[in-house]
């Protein structure tokens, strides 16, 4: 294969994984703009040195490893002030956690890496990864409890998500099936966190419902649930900081909820 063909192939592989790197970076920082800055910095580093992709590991692992080298070198900050006055709260909460625990938990649950791959990404060993994940679960799930609203039109899925959230110690204030129900419920209940599907029962949009709610409660974190996360992770407009892919795993929901509750702000997803 020629050098030009090899470069093109690598670019295609990186492009396919970039939306998920954005998701990971946003979950770490709690905001779209901060997360995307780290993703851009990662791409710039790769342009300067592609040797990490010659180490015999899959492209996705190499991409995240490059990200982590940058993330670790900057002290793993949590935002750039775009989340309003709640950044200080996030910093205080994160300061109580052991280093690298959130990263390991996100990589294992939301990003679905194996422990062996996480060890490569984080430049450590499998035993340390296991310890980091266990510590993160214990610290984060014990640290925050709140009132959660679910926007989901499928009763079985809504019940499953509600059970997962309640097992984490949170209270479900209600389940809405349409945009109208969601707006009315949200304004009435004032939840601490919203879990929202994209497509609702009457063909209305969970995105629109959230945008309506954000007019009165802009600091409430939101987790979107979608079968096509890459469509909401282009970096071309205002997009969510927290996403769960369908079909989801219980650990993905648990991890996303725990992460989102660390940040009492969300960037609205504008249509």
C-alpha atoms as a PDB file:
ATOM      1  CA  UNK A   1       0.000   0.000   0.000  1.00  0.00           C
ATOM      2  CA  UNK A   2       1.353   3.435  -0.916  1.00  0.00           C
ATOM      3  CA  UNK A   3       1.966   6.120   1.677  1.00  0.00           C
ATOM      4  CA  UNK A   4      -0.898   8.182   0.253  1.00  0.00           C
ATOM      5  CA  UNK A   5      -3.285   5.245   0.435  1.00  0.00           C
ATOM      6  CA  UNK A   6      -2.162   4.485   3.975  1.00  0.00           C
ATOM      7  CA  UNK A   7      -2.773   8.068   5.062  1.00  0.00           C
ATOM      8  CA  UNK A   8      -6.220   8.062   3.480  1.00  0.00           C
ATOM      9  CA  UNK A   9      -7.129   4.790   5.169  1.00  0.00           C
ATOM     10  CA  UNK A  10      -5.973   6.123   8.542  1.00  0.00           C
ATOM     11  CA  UNK A  11      -7.950   9.315   8.063  1.00  0.00           C
ATOM     12  CA  UNK A  12     -11.083   7.298   7.335  1.00  0.00           C
ATOM     13  CA  UNK A  13     -10.590   5.171  10.444  1.00  0.00           C
ATOM     14  CA  UNK A  14     -10.069   8.221  12.643  1.00  0.00           C
ATOM     15  CA  UNK A  15     -13.081   9.994  11.124  1.00  0.00           C
ATOM     16  CA  UNK A  16     -15.291   7.007  11.960  1.00  0.00           C
ATOM     17  CA  UNK A  17     -14.245   7.130  15.625  1.00  0.00           C
ATOM     18  CA  UNK A  18     -14.181  10.921  16.068  1.00  0.00           C
ATOM     19  CA  UNK A  19     -17.865  11.303  17.126  1.00  0.00           C
ATOM     20  CA  UNK A  20     -17.293   8.869  19.981  1.00  0.00           C
ATOM     21  CA  UNK A  21     -14.112  10.624  21.067  1.00  0.00           C
ATOM     22  CA  UNK A  22     -16.170  13.826  21.208  1.00  0.00           C
ATOM     23  CA  UNK A  23     -18.735  12.033  23.387  1.00  0.00           C
ATOM     24  CA  UNK A  24     -16.024  10.857  25.772  1.00  0.00           C
ATOM     25  CA  UNK A  25     -14.333  14.258  25.958  1.00  0.00           C
ATOM     26  CA  UNK A  26     -17.637  16.037  26.594  1.00  0.00           C
ATOM     27  CA  UNK A  27     -18.559  13.629  29.372  1.00  0.00           C
ATOM     28  CA  UNK A  28     -15.201  14.238  31.037  1.00  0.00           C
ATOM     29  CA  UNK A  29     -15.464  18.021  30.893  1.00  0.00           C
ATOM     30  CA  UNK A  30     -19.235  18.384  31.239  1.00  0.00           C
ATOM     31  CA  UNK A  31     -19.524  20.635  28.193  1.00  0.00           C
ATOM     32  CA  UNK A  32     -19.535  20.532  24.411  1.00  0.00           C
ATOM     33  CA  UNK A  33     -17.026  23.295  23.800  1.00  0.00           C
ATOM     34  CA  UNK A  34     -14.408  22.050  26.277  1.00  0.00           C
ATOM     35  CA  UNK A  35     -14.697  18.470  25.093  1.00  0.00           C
ATOM     36  CA  UNK A  36     -14.443  19.454  21.445  1.00  0.00           C
ATOM     37  CA  UNK A  37     -11.310  21.499  22.144  1.00  0.00           C
ATOM     38  CA  UNK A  38      -9.627  18.374  23.464  1.00  0.00           C
ATOM     39  CA  UNK A  39     -10.771  16.378  20.437  1.00  0.00           C
ATOM     40  CA  UNK A  40      -9.308  19.030  18.126  1.00  0.00           C
ATOM     41  CA  UNK A  41      -6.045  19.076  20.077  1.00  0.00           C
ATOM     42  CA  UNK A  42      -5.868  15.302  19.670  1.00  0.00           C
ATOM     43  CA  UNK A  43      -6.261  15.549  15.908  1.00  0.00           C
ATOM     44  CA  UNK A  44      -3.608  18.254  15.731  1.00  0.00           C
ATOM     45  CA  UNK A  45      -1.203  16.043  17.663  1.00  0.00           C
ATOM     46  CA  UNK A  46      -1.870  13.134  15.295  1.00  0.00           C
ATOM     47  CA  UNK A  47      -1.127  15.349  12.299  1.00  0.00           C
ATOM     48  CA  UNK A  48       2.289  16.025  13.799  1.00  0.00           C
ATOM     49  CA  UNK A  49       3.030  12.416  14.743  1.00  0.00           C
ATOM     50  CA  UNK A  50       1.122   9.340  13.514  1.00  0.00           C
ATOM     51  CA  UNK A  51       3.530   6.810  15.006  1.00  0.00           C
ATOM     52  CA  UNK A  52       1.039   5.747  17.690  1.00  0.00           C
ATOM     53  CA  UNK A  53      -0.994   4.077  14.932  1.00  0.00           C
ATOM     54  CA  UNK A  54       1.970   1.857  14.067  1.00  0.00           C
ATOM     55  CA  UNK A  55       2.063   0.158  17.474  1.00  0.00           C
ATOM     56  CA  UNK A  56      -0.145  -2.793  16.494  1.00  0.00           C
ATOM     57  CA  UNK A  57      -3.255  -1.651  18.374  1.00  0.00           C
ATOM     58  CA  UNK A  58      -6.596  -0.882  16.771  1.00  0.00           C
ATOM     59  CA  UNK A  59      -7.161   2.662  15.535  1.00  0.00           C
ATOM     60  CA  UNK A  60      -9.823   3.452  18.156  1.00  0.00           C
ATOM     61  CA  UNK A  61      -7.521   2.508  21.014  1.00  0.00           C
ATOM     62  CA  UNK A  62      -4.667   4.523  19.519  1.00  0.00           C
ATOM     63  CA  UNK A  63      -6.913   7.569  19.077  1.00  0.00           C
ATOM     64  CA  UNK A  64      -8.038   7.520  22.708  1.00  0.00           C
ATOM     65  CA  UNK A  65      -4.475   6.910  23.876  1.00  0.00           C
ATOM     66  CA  UNK A  66      -3.372  10.040  22.047  1.00  0.00           C
ATOM     67  CA  UNK A  67      -6.258  11.948  23.642  1.00  0.00           C
ATOM     68  CA  UNK A  68      -5.247  10.735  27.091  1.00  0.00           C
ATOM     69  CA  UNK A  69      -1.663  11.866  26.647  1.00  0.00           C
ATOM     70  CA  UNK A  70      -2.971  15.391  26.075  1.00  0.00           C
ATOM     71  CA  UNK A  71      -5.643  15.160  28.769  1.00  0.00           C
ATOM     72  CA  UNK A  72      -3.175  14.000  31.406  1.00  0.00           C
ATOM     73  CA  UNK A  73      -0.584  16.607  30.489  1.00  0.00           C
ATOM     74  CA  UNK A  74      -3.069  19.438  31.099  1.00  0.00           C
ATOM     75  CA  UNK A  75      -4.143  18.247  34.517  1.00  0.00           C
ATOM     76  CA  UNK A  76      -7.584  16.993  33.377  1.00  0.00           C
ATOM     77  CA  UNK A  77      -9.565  20.231  33.841  1.00  0.00           C
ATOM     78  CA  UNK A  78     -13.376  20.090  33.851  1.00  0.00           C
ATOM     79  CA  UNK A  79     -14.503  23.020  31.749  1.00  0.00           C
ATOM     80  CA  UNK A  80     -13.923  26.498  30.405  1.00  0.00           C
ATOM     81  CA  UNK A  81     -16.677  28.479  32.046  1.00  0.00           C
ATOM     82  CA  UNK A  82     -19.388  27.838  29.446  1.00  0.00           C
ATOM     83  CA  UNK A  83     -21.573  26.041  31.984  1.00  0.00           C
ATOM     84  CA  UNK A  84     -22.453  29.098  34.002  1.00  0.00           C
ATOM     85  CA  UNK A  85     -21.807  29.310  37.721  1.00  0.00           C
ATOM     86  CA  UNK A  86     -21.980  25.569  38.297  1.00  0.00           C
ATOM     87  CA  UNK A  87     -18.365  24.932  37.282  1.00  0.00           C
ATOM     88  CA  UNK A  88     -17.154  25.495  40.835  1.00  0.00           C
ATOM     89  CA  UNK A  89     -19.516  22.784  42.094  1.00  0.00           C
ATOM     90  CA  UNK A  90     -18.142  20.339  39.545  1.00  0.00           C
ATOM     91  CA  UNK A  91     -14.566  21.195  40.467  1.00  0.00           C
ATOM     92  CA  UNK A  92     -15.295  20.639  44.164  1.00  0.00           C
ATOM     93  CA  UNK A  93     -16.923  17.271  43.548  1.00  0.00           C
ATOM     94  CA  UNK A  94     -14.199  16.109  41.196  1.00  0.00           C
ATOM     95  CA  UNK A  95     -11.540  17.163  43.644  1.00  0.00           C
ATOM     96  CA  UNK A  96     -12.860  14.561  46.068  1.00  0.00           C
ATOM     97  CA  UNK A  97     -12.314  11.715  43.586  1.00  0.00           C
ATOM     98  CA  UNK A  98      -9.115   9.783  43.099  1.00  0.00           C
ATOM     99  CA  UNK A  99      -7.224  10.646  39.884  1.00  0.00           C
ATOM    100  CA  UNK A 100      -8.188   8.734  36.726  1.00  0.00           C
ATOM    101  CA  UNK A 101     -11.222   7.024  38.242  1.00  0.00           C
ATOM    102  CA  UNK A 102     -13.860   8.794  36.108  1.00  0.00           C
ATOM    103  CA  UNK A 103     -11.789   8.254  32.989  1.00  0.00           C
ATOM    104  CA  UNK A 104     -11.525   4.514  33.582  1.00  0.00           C
ATOM    105  CA  UNK A 105     -15.232   4.207  34.355  1.00  0.00           C
ATOM    106  CA  UNK A 106     -16.283   6.088  31.212  1.00  0.00           C
ATOM    107  CA  UNK A 107     -13.922   4.101  29.013  1.00  0.00           C
ATOM    108  CA  UNK A 108     -15.289   0.828  30.384  1.00  0.00           C
ATOM    109  CA  UNK A 109     -18.993   1.635  30.380  1.00  0.00           C
ATOM    110  CA  UNK A 110     -19.929   4.373  27.930  1.00  0.00           C
ATOM    111  CA  UNK A 111     -17.096   3.737  25.447  1.00  0.00           C
ATOM    112  CA  UNK A 112     -17.140  -0.062  25.913  1.00  0.00           C
ATOM    113  CA  UNK A 113     -13.378  -0.645  25.989  1.00  0.00           C
ATOM    114  CA  UNK A 114     -12.003  -3.819  27.543  1.00  0.00           C
ATOM    115  CA  UNK A 115      -9.839  -3.497  30.630  1.00  0.00           C
ATOM    116  CA  UNK A 116      -6.833  -4.490  28.541  1.00  0.00           C
ATOM    117  CA  UNK A 117      -7.542  -1.669  26.092  1.00  0.00           C
ATOM    118  CA  UNK A 118      -8.120   0.824  28.912  1.00  0.00           C
ATOM    119  CA  UNK A 119      -4.727  -0.118  30.318  1.00  0.00           C
ATOM    120  CA  UNK A 120      -3.189   0.773  26.952  1.00  0.00           C
ATOM    121  CA  UNK A 121      -5.131   4.030  26.663  1.00  0.00           C
ATOM    122  CA  UNK A 122      -4.240   5.143  30.195  1.00  0.00           C
ATOM    123  CA  UNK A 123      -0.705   3.737  30.148  1.00  0.00           C
ATOM    124  CA  UNK A 124      -1.212   1.506  33.184  1.00  0.00           C
ATOM    125  CA  UNK A 125      -1.970  -2.150  33.941  1.00  0.00           C
ATOM    126  CA  UNK A 126      -5.197  -4.168  34.131  1.00  0.00           C
ATOM    127  CA  UNK A 127      -5.154  -4.466  37.928  1.00  0.00           C
ATOM    128  CA  UNK A 128      -4.965  -0.697  38.262  1.00  0.00           C
ATOM    129  CA  UNK A 129      -7.822  -0.289  35.781  1.00  0.00           C
ATOM    130  CA  UNK A 130      -9.997  -2.650  37.835  1.00  0.00           C
ATOM    131  CA  UNK A 131      -9.245  -0.671  40.984  1.00  0.00           C
ATOM    132  CA  UNK A 132      -9.984   2.651  39.272  1.00  0.00           C
ATOM    133  CA  UNK A 133     -13.353   1.469  37.944  1.00  0.00           C
ATOM    134  CA  UNK A 134     -14.444   0.033  41.297  1.00  0.00           C
ATOM    135  CA  UNK A 135     -13.374   3.202  43.096  1.00  0.00           C
ATOM    136  CA  UNK A 136     -15.203   5.443  40.630  1.00  0.00           C
ATOM    137  CA  UNK A 137     -18.455   3.526  41.019  1.00  0.00           C
ATOM    138  CA  UNK A 138     -18.320   3.683  44.793  1.00  0.00           C
ATOM    139  CA  UNK A 139     -17.347   7.351  44.981  1.00  0.00           C
ATOM    140  CA  UNK A 140     -19.693   8.715  42.340  1.00  0.00           C
ATOM    141  CA  UNK A 141     -22.788   6.713  43.189  1.00  0.00           C
ATOM    142  CA  UNK A 142     -22.471   7.592  46.863  1.00  0.00           C
ATOM    143  CA  UNK A 143     -21.715  11.235  46.237  1.00  0.00           C
ATOM    144  CA  UNK A 144     -24.891  12.631  44.677  1.00  0.00           C
ATOM    145  CA  UNK A 145     -28.599  11.798  44.785  1.00  0.00           C
ATOM    146  CA  UNK A 146     -31.316  13.759  43.047  1.00  0.00           C
ATOM    147  CA  UNK A 147     -34.708  13.885  41.359  1.00  0.00           C
ATOM    148  CA  UNK A 148     -34.761  12.565  37.792  1.00  0.00           C
ATOM    149  CA  UNK A 149     -37.327  12.900  35.010  1.00  0.00           C
ATOM    150  CA  UNK A 150     -37.479  10.407  32.135  1.00  0.00           C
ATOM    151  CA  UNK A 151     -38.730  11.367  28.655  1.00  0.00           C
ATOM    152  CA  UNK A 152     -39.384   8.048  26.883  1.00  0.00           C
ATOM    153  CA  UNK A 153     -42.390   6.767  24.912  1.00  0.00           C
ATOM    154  CA  UNK A 154     -41.648   3.017  25.207  1.00  0.00           C
ATOM    155  CA  UNK A 155     -43.071   1.767  28.541  1.00  0.00           C
ATOM    156  CA  UNK A 156     -40.648  -1.143  28.909  1.00  0.00           C
ATOM    157  CA  UNK A 157     -37.609   1.034  28.216  1.00  0.00           C
ATOM    158  CA  UNK A 158     -38.934   3.762  30.512  1.00  0.00           C
ATOM    159  CA  UNK A 159     -39.428   1.225  33.315  1.00  0.00           C
ATOM    160  CA  UNK A 160     -35.955  -0.221  32.789  1.00  0.00           C
ATOM    161  CA  UNK A 161     -34.265   3.182  32.834  1.00  0.00           C
ATOM    162  CA  UNK A 162     -36.265   4.215  35.890  1.00  0.00           C
ATOM    163  CA  UNK A 163     -35.198   1.071  37.751  1.00  0.00           C
ATOM    164  CA  UNK A 164     -31.542   1.658  36.929  1.00  0.00           C
ATOM    165  CA  UNK A 165     -31.735   5.264  38.094  1.00  0.00           C
ATOM    166  CA  UNK A 166     -33.549   4.336  41.308  1.00  0.00           C
ATOM    167  CA  UNK A 167     -30.959   1.658  42.064  1.00  0.00           C
ATOM    168  CA  UNK A 168     -28.376   4.472  42.064  1.00  0.00           C
ATOM    169  CA  UNK A 169     -30.308   6.166  44.847  1.00  0.00           C
ATOM    170  CA  UNK A 170     -32.151   8.770  42.771  1.00  0.00           C
ATOM    171  CA  UNK A 171     -35.885   9.509  42.761  1.00  0.00           C
ATOM    172  CA  UNK A 172     -37.920   9.306  39.533  1.00  0.00           C
ATOM    173  CA  UNK A 173     -40.330  12.254  39.507  1.00  0.00           C
ATOM    174  CA  UNK A 174     -42.190  11.009  36.431  1.00  0.00           C
ATOM    175  CA  UNK A 175     -42.094   9.619  32.890  1.00  0.00           C
ATOM    176  CA  UNK A 176     -43.281  11.734  29.944  1.00  0.00           C
ATOM    177  CA  UNK A 177     -44.191  10.218  26.561  1.00  0.00           C
ATOM    178  CA  UNK A 178     -44.610  13.364  24.443  1.00  0.00           C
ATOM    179  CA  UNK A 179     -43.109  16.824  24.121  1.00  0.00           C
ATOM    180  CA  UNK A 180     -46.150  18.435  25.720  1.00  0.00           C
ATOM    181  CA  UNK A 181     -46.148  16.032  28.672  1.00  0.00           C
ATOM    182  CA  UNK A 182     -42.413  16.536  29.142  1.00  0.00           C
ATOM    183  CA  UNK A 183     -42.632  20.319  29.227  1.00  0.00           C
ATOM    184  CA  UNK A 184     -45.556  20.302  31.642  1.00  0.00           C
ATOM    185  CA  UNK A 185     -43.930  17.739  33.929  1.00  0.00           C
ATOM    186  CA  UNK A 186     -40.526  19.391  33.890  1.00  0.00           C
ATOM    187  CA  UNK A 187     -41.858  22.837  34.715  1.00  0.00           C
ATOM    188  CA  UNK A 188     -43.961  21.349  37.512  1.00  0.00           C
ATOM    189  CA  UNK A 189     -41.429  18.963  39.077  1.00  0.00           C
ATOM    190  CA  UNK A 190     -38.168  20.908  38.522  1.00  0.00           C
ATOM    191  CA  UNK A 191     -35.968  17.769  38.264  1.00  0.00           C
ATOM    192  CA  UNK A 192     -32.228  17.715  38.956  1.00  0.00           C
ATOM    193  CA  UNK A 193     -31.559  15.602  35.855  1.00  0.00           C
ATOM    194  CA  UNK A 194     -33.433  14.733  32.642  1.00  0.00           C
ATOM    195  CA  UNK A 195     -33.051  11.526  30.617  1.00  0.00           C
ATOM    196  CA  UNK A 196     -34.546  12.073  27.157  1.00  0.00           C
ATOM    197  CA  UNK A 197     -35.180   9.854  24.159  1.00  0.00           C
ATOM    198  CA  UNK A 198     -35.008  11.567  20.765  1.00  0.00           C
ATOM    199  CA  UNK A 199     -38.140  10.171  19.081  1.00  0.00           C
ATOM    200  CA  UNK A 200     -41.354  10.364  21.150  1.00  0.00           C
ATOM    201  CA  UNK A 201     -44.818   8.789  20.960  1.00  0.00           C
ATOM    202  CA  UNK A 202     -46.583  11.445  18.883  1.00  0.00           C
ATOM    203  CA  UNK A 203     -43.591  11.834  16.542  1.00  0.00           C
ATOM    204  CA  UNK A 204     -42.530  14.869  18.534  1.00  0.00           C
ATOM    205  CA  UNK A 205     -38.875  15.403  19.402  1.00  0.00           C
ATOM    206  CA  UNK A 206     -37.208  14.893  22.742  1.00  0.00           C
ATOM    207  CA  UNK A 207     -34.680  17.483  21.612  1.00  0.00           C
ATOM    208  CA  UNK A 208     -37.445  20.065  21.195  1.00  0.00           C
ATOM    209  CA  UNK A 209     -38.900  19.130  24.576  1.00  0.00           C
ATOM    210  CA  UNK A 210     -35.533  19.660  26.234  1.00  0.00           C
ATOM    211  CA  UNK A 211     -34.980  22.983  24.483  1.00  0.00           C
ATOM    212  CA  UNK A 212     -38.385  24.133  25.733  1.00  0.00           C
ATOM    213  CA  UNK A 213     -37.477  23.131  29.279  1.00  0.00           C
ATOM    214  CA  UNK A 214     -34.060  24.759  29.120  1.00  0.00           C
ATOM    215  CA  UNK A 215     -35.721  28.157  28.779  1.00  0.00           C
ATOM    216  CA  UNK A 216     -36.781  27.920  32.434  1.00  0.00           C
ATOM    217  CA  UNK A 217     -34.144  25.555  33.816  1.00  0.00           C
ATOM    218  CA  UNK A 218     -30.909  26.084  31.850  1.00  0.00           C
ATOM    219  CA  UNK A 219     -28.675  24.540  34.525  1.00  0.00           C
ATOM    220  CA  UNK A 220     -30.335  21.109  34.618  1.00  0.00           C
ATOM    221  CA  UNK A 221     -28.106  18.412  33.075  1.00  0.00           C
ATOM    222  CA  UNK A 222     -29.628  16.307  30.288  1.00  0.00           C
ATOM    223  CA  UNK A 223     -28.695  12.870  28.977  1.00  0.00           C
ATOM    224  CA  UNK A 224     -29.966  12.098  25.468  1.00  0.00           C
ATOM    225  CA  UNK A 225     -30.681   8.532  24.371  1.00  0.00           C
ATOM    226  CA  UNK A 226     -30.369   7.735  20.676  1.00  0.00           C
ATOM    227  CA  UNK A 227     -29.632   4.886  18.292  1.00  0.00           C
ATOM    228  CA  UNK A 228     -27.559   7.268  16.164  1.00  0.00           C
ATOM    229  CA  UNK A 229     -25.198   9.176  18.497  1.00  0.00           C
ATOM    230  CA  UNK A 230     -22.859  10.127  15.667  1.00  0.00           C
ATOM    231  CA  UNK A 231     -25.599  12.369  14.253  1.00  0.00           C
ATOM    232  CA  UNK A 232     -25.501  14.459  17.437  1.00  0.00           C
ATOM    233  CA  UNK A 233     -21.701  14.548  17.732  1.00  0.00           C
ATOM    234  CA  UNK A 234     -20.592  16.401  14.621  1.00  0.00           C
ATOM    235  CA  UNK A 235     -19.199  19.430  16.429  1.00  0.00           C
ATOM    236  CA  UNK A 236     -20.976  21.695  13.947  1.00  0.00           C
ATOM    237  CA  UNK A 237     -23.669  23.138  16.242  1.00  0.00           C
ATOM    238  CA  UNK A 238     -24.824  23.181  19.864  1.00  0.00           C
ATOM    239  CA  UNK A 239     -24.950  19.556  20.928  1.00  0.00           C
ATOM    240  CA  UNK A 240     -25.391  17.539  24.139  1.00  0.00           C
ATOM    241  CA  UNK A 241     -22.576  16.842  26.536  1.00  0.00           C
ATOM    242  CA  UNK A 242     -24.074  13.491  27.607  1.00  0.00           C
ATOM    243  CA  UNK A 243     -25.261  10.718  25.286  1.00  0.00           C
ATOM    244  CA  UNK A 244     -26.285   7.081  25.668  1.00  0.00           C
ATOM    245  CA  UNK A 245     -26.325   4.844  22.608  1.00  0.00           C
ATOM    246  CA  UNK A 246     -29.183   2.463  21.890  1.00  0.00           C
ATOM    247  CA  UNK A 247     -29.249  -0.398  22.530  1.00  0.00           C
ATOM    248  CA  UNK A 248     -27.780   0.560  25.883  1.00  0.00           C
ATOM    249  CA  UNK A 249     -26.299  -1.481  28.708  1.00  0.00           C
ATOM    250  CA  UNK A 250     -27.202  -0.941  32.357  1.00  0.00           C
ATOM    251  CA  UNK A 251     -23.650   0.138  33.158  1.00  0.00           C
ATOM    252  CA  UNK A 252     -23.777   2.773  30.420  1.00  0.00           C
ATOM    253  CA  UNK A 253     -26.884   4.352  31.916  1.00  0.00           C
ATOM    254  CA  UNK A 254     -25.443   4.197  35.430  1.00  0.00           C
ATOM    255  CA  UNK A 255     -22.182   5.770  34.371  1.00  0.00           C
ATOM    256  CA  UNK A 256     -23.804   8.516  32.298  1.00  0.00           C
ATOM    257  CA  UNK A 257     -26.193   9.414  35.126  1.00  0.00           C
ATOM    258  CA  UNK A 258     -23.355   9.545  37.649  1.00  0.00           C
ATOM    259  CA  UNK A 259     -21.257  11.710  35.330  1.00  0.00           C
ATOM    260  CA  UNK A 260     -24.096  14.078  34.462  1.00  0.00           C
ATOM    261  CA  UNK A 261     -25.028  14.612  38.086  1.00  0.00           C
ATOM    262  CA  UNK A 262     -21.522  15.972  38.631  1.00  0.00           C
ATOM    263  CA  UNK A 263     -22.352  18.851  36.339  1.00  0.00           C
ATOM    264  CA  UNK A 264     -25.405  21.009  37.019  1.00  0.00           C
ATOM    265  CA  UNK A 265     -25.378  22.559  33.564  1.00  0.00           C
ATOM    266  CA  UNK A 266     -26.042  21.436  30.009  1.00  0.00           C
ATOM    267  CA  UNK A 267     -25.633  23.024  26.645  1.00  0.00           C
ATOM    268  CA  UNK A 268     -28.985  23.118  24.860  1.00  0.00           C
ATOM    269  CA  UNK A 269     -29.250  21.253  21.597  1.00  0.00           C
ATOM    270  CA  UNK A 270     -30.731  23.722  19.163  1.00  0.00           C
ATOM    271  CA  UNK A 271     -32.772  22.472  16.234  1.00  0.00           C
END
